[in-house]
C-alpha atoms as a PDB file:
ATOM      1  CA  UNK A   1     143.419 166.460 109.810  1.00  0.00           C
ATOM      2  CA  UNK A   2     141.377 167.797 106.961  1.00  0.00           C
ATOM      3  CA  UNK A   3     142.882 165.697 104.178  1.00  0.00           C
ATOM      4  CA  UNK A   4     142.847 162.413 106.118  1.00  0.00           C
ATOM      5  CA  UNK A   5     146.603 161.860 105.623  1.00  0.00           C
ATOM      6  CA  UNK A   6     148.508 160.450 108.563  1.00  0.00           C
ATOM      7  CA  UNK A   7     151.516 162.130 110.044  1.00  0.00           C
ATOM      8  CA  UNK A   8     154.827 160.385 110.697  1.00  0.00           C
ATOM      9  CA  UNK A   9     155.173 158.067 113.650  1.00  0.00           C
ATOM     10  CA  UNK A  10     157.043 159.559 116.592  1.00  0.00           C
ATOM     11  CA  UNK A  11     158.457 158.454 119.921  1.00  0.00           C
ATOM     12  CA  UNK A  12     158.061 160.797 122.873  1.00  0.00           C
ATOM     13  CA  UNK A  13     160.610 160.589 125.686  1.00  0.00           C
ATOM     14  CA  UNK A  14     159.836 162.359 128.935  1.00  0.00           C
ATOM     15  CA  UNK A  15     162.149 162.946 131.892  1.00  0.00           C
ATOM     16  CA  UNK A  16     161.943 160.310 134.598  1.00  0.00           C
ATOM     17  CA  UNK A  17     160.988 161.446 138.048  1.00  0.00           C
ATOM     18  CA  UNK A  18     160.069 164.901 136.836  1.00  0.00           C
ATOM     19  CA  UNK A  19     157.177 165.261 139.220  1.00  0.00           C
ATOM     20  CA  UNK A  20     153.488 165.799 138.701  1.00  0.00           C
ATOM     21  CA  UNK A  21     153.662 168.743 136.319  1.00  0.00           C
ATOM     22  CA  UNK A  22     156.150 166.995 134.052  1.00  0.00           C
ATOM     23  CA  UNK A  23     154.006 163.846 133.985  1.00  0.00           C
ATOM     24  CA  UNK A  24     150.882 165.897 133.224  1.00  0.00           C
ATOM     25  CA  UNK A  25     152.680 167.758 130.429  1.00  0.00           C
ATOM     26  CA  UNK A  26     153.929 164.497 128.946  1.00  0.00           C
ATOM     27  CA  UNK A  27     150.402 163.040 128.997  1.00  0.00           C
ATOM     28  CA  UNK A  28     149.029 166.161 127.299  1.00  0.00           C
ATOM     29  CA  UNK A  29     151.745 166.034 124.626  1.00  0.00           C
ATOM     30  CA  UNK A  30     150.978 162.353 124.009  1.00  0.00           C
ATOM     31  CA  UNK A  31     147.262 163.090 123.644  1.00  0.00           C
ATOM     32  CA  UNK A  32     147.865 166.021 121.300  1.00  0.00           C
ATOM     33  CA  UNK A  33     150.266 164.019 119.116  1.00  0.00           C
ATOM     34  CA  UNK A  34     147.605 161.329 118.741  1.00  0.00           C
ATOM     35  CA  UNK A  35     144.918 163.920 117.995  1.00  0.00           C
ATOM     36  CA  UNK A  36     147.128 165.399 115.293  1.00  0.00           C
ATOM     37  CA  UNK A  37     147.428 162.021 113.578  1.00  0.00           C
ATOM     38  CA  UNK A  38     150.876 160.886 114.755  1.00  0.00           C
ATOM     39  CA  UNK A  39     151.261 157.229 115.643  1.00  0.00           C
ATOM     40  CA  UNK A  40     153.257 156.795 118.841  1.00  0.00           C
ATOM     41  CA  UNK A  41     155.904 154.095 118.489  1.00  0.00           C
ATOM     42  CA  UNK A  42     158.984 153.522 120.660  1.00  0.00           C
ATOM     43  CA  UNK A  43     161.194 152.358 117.771  1.00  0.00           C
ATOM     44  CA  UNK A  44     160.567 155.018 115.154  1.00  0.00           C
ATOM     45  CA  UNK A  45     163.112 157.229 113.393  1.00  0.00           C
ATOM     46  CA  UNK A  46     161.599 160.471 114.747  1.00  0.00           C
ATOM     47  CA  UNK A  47     162.152 160.949 118.466  1.00  0.00           C
ATOM     48  CA  UNK A  48     160.905 163.843 120.561  1.00  0.00           C
ATOM     49  CA  UNK A  49     162.596 164.451 123.904  1.00  0.00           C
ATOM     50  CA  UNK A  50     160.976 166.735 126.429  1.00  0.00           C
ATOM     51  CA  UNK A  51     163.342 168.869 128.500  1.00  0.00           C
ATOM     52  CA  UNK A  52     161.839 170.551 131.552  1.00  0.00           C
ATOM     53  CA  UNK A  53     163.058 172.937 134.255  1.00  0.00           C
ATOM     54  CA  UNK A  54     160.873 173.982 137.179  1.00  0.00           C
ATOM     55  CA  UNK A  55     162.519 176.536 139.444  1.00  0.00           C
ATOM     56  CA  UNK A  56     159.231 176.798 141.398  1.00  0.00           C
ATOM     57  CA  UNK A  57     155.909 174.931 141.483  1.00  0.00           C
ATOM     58  CA  UNK A  58     154.246 177.659 139.409  1.00  0.00           C
ATOM     59  CA  UNK A  59     157.041 178.265 136.874  1.00  0.00           C
ATOM     60  CA  UNK A  60     157.846 175.879 134.038  1.00  0.00           C
ATOM     61  CA  UNK A  61     160.432 176.059 131.274  1.00  0.00           C
ATOM     62  CA  UNK A  62     160.313 173.429 128.539  1.00  0.00           C
ATOM     63  CA  UNK A  63     161.526 172.602 125.048  1.00  0.00           C
ATOM     64  CA  UNK A  64     161.331 169.677 122.652  1.00  0.00           C
ATOM     65  CA  UNK A  65     164.446 168.166 121.120  1.00  0.00           C
ATOM     66  CA  UNK A  66     163.750 166.389 117.848  1.00  0.00           C
ATOM     67  CA  UNK A  67     166.011 163.594 116.589  1.00  0.00           C
ATOM     68  CA  UNK A  68     165.192 162.799 112.969  1.00  0.00           C
ATOM     69  CA  UNK A  69     167.204 161.787 109.919  1.00  0.00           C
ATOM     70  CA  UNK A  70     170.366 161.560 112.010  1.00  0.00           C
ATOM     71  CA  UNK A  71     170.124 165.203 113.100  1.00  0.00           C
ATOM     72  CA  UNK A  72     169.018 166.824 116.313  1.00  0.00           C
ATOM     73  CA  UNK A  73     167.059 170.062 116.333  1.00  0.00           C
ATOM     74  CA  UNK A  74     165.772 171.992 119.301  1.00  0.00           C
ATOM     75  CA  UNK A  75     162.719 174.148 119.740  1.00  0.00           C
ATOM     76  CA  UNK A  76     163.086 177.424 121.589  1.00  0.00           C
ATOM     77  CA  UNK A  77     162.588 177.136 125.322  1.00  0.00           C
ATOM     78  CA  UNK A  78     159.135 178.305 126.372  1.00  0.00           C
ATOM     79  CA  UNK A  79     158.101 179.582 129.776  1.00  0.00           C
ATOM     80  CA  UNK A  80     154.814 179.113 131.571  1.00  0.00           C
ATOM     81  CA  UNK A  81     154.341 180.935 134.841  1.00  0.00           C
ATOM     82  CA  UNK A  82     151.308 181.447 137.023  1.00  0.00           C
ATOM     83  CA  UNK A  83     151.339 184.374 139.424  1.00  0.00           C
ATOM     84  CA  UNK A  84     148.099 183.978 141.378  1.00  0.00           C
ATOM     85  CA  UNK A  85     148.452 180.385 142.588  1.00  0.00           C
ATOM     86  CA  UNK A  86     151.017 177.804 143.650  1.00  0.00           C
ATOM     87  CA  UNK A  87     150.411 175.319 140.850  1.00  0.00           C
ATOM     88  CA  UNK A  88     149.841 175.290 137.110  1.00  0.00           C
ATOM     89  CA  UNK A  89     146.222 174.736 136.031  1.00  0.00           C
ATOM     90  CA  UNK A  90     145.454 171.953 133.562  1.00  0.00           C
ATOM     91  CA  UNK A  91     144.020 174.323 130.922  1.00  0.00           C
ATOM     92  CA  UNK A  92     147.185 176.454 130.938  1.00  0.00           C
ATOM     93  CA  UNK A  93     149.356 173.343 130.738  1.00  0.00           C
ATOM     94  CA  UNK A  94     147.314 172.037 127.798  1.00  0.00           C
ATOM     95  CA  UNK A  95     147.757 175.319 125.886  1.00  0.00           C
ATOM     96  CA  UNK A  96     151.482 175.139 126.687  1.00  0.00           C
ATOM     97  CA  UNK A  97     151.664 171.591 125.267  1.00  0.00           C
ATOM     98  CA  UNK A  98     149.941 172.764 122.083  1.00  0.00           C
ATOM     99  CA  UNK A  99     152.422 175.627 121.726  1.00  0.00           C
ATOM    100  CA  UNK A 100     155.412 173.300 122.279  1.00  0.00           C
ATOM    101  CA  UNK A 101     154.219 171.042 119.465  1.00  0.00           C
ATOM    102  CA  UNK A 102     153.469 174.005 117.206  1.00  0.00           C
ATOM    103  CA  UNK A 103     157.073 175.209 117.355  1.00  0.00           C
ATOM    104  CA  UNK A 104     158.750 171.784 117.439  1.00  0.00           C
ATOM    105  CA  UNK A 105     161.119 171.413 114.465  1.00  0.00           C
ATOM    106  CA  UNK A 106     159.725 168.215 112.940  1.00  0.00           C
END
């Protein structure tokens, strides 16, 4: 951050048993939140919940639900699909994580 100010602490909740892509996405979101200056704390007032759907190994739908100040807001659902392979490359997943955080309502 250019001004050196810290961002609010957040808790990130990821689906259990979501498989490799979900775990990778959660790790990328965690890394990006830290890079953006958010402290990650399990007992904070701002909670981000990752919702994921994967109808195929190369198609991912995801959104972030944000619980803050007693209200829940939802980002639009984004889609990531890869046509020329059976899995989602790390670079594409990282860009997807960045986009999810960019549109998250917090």
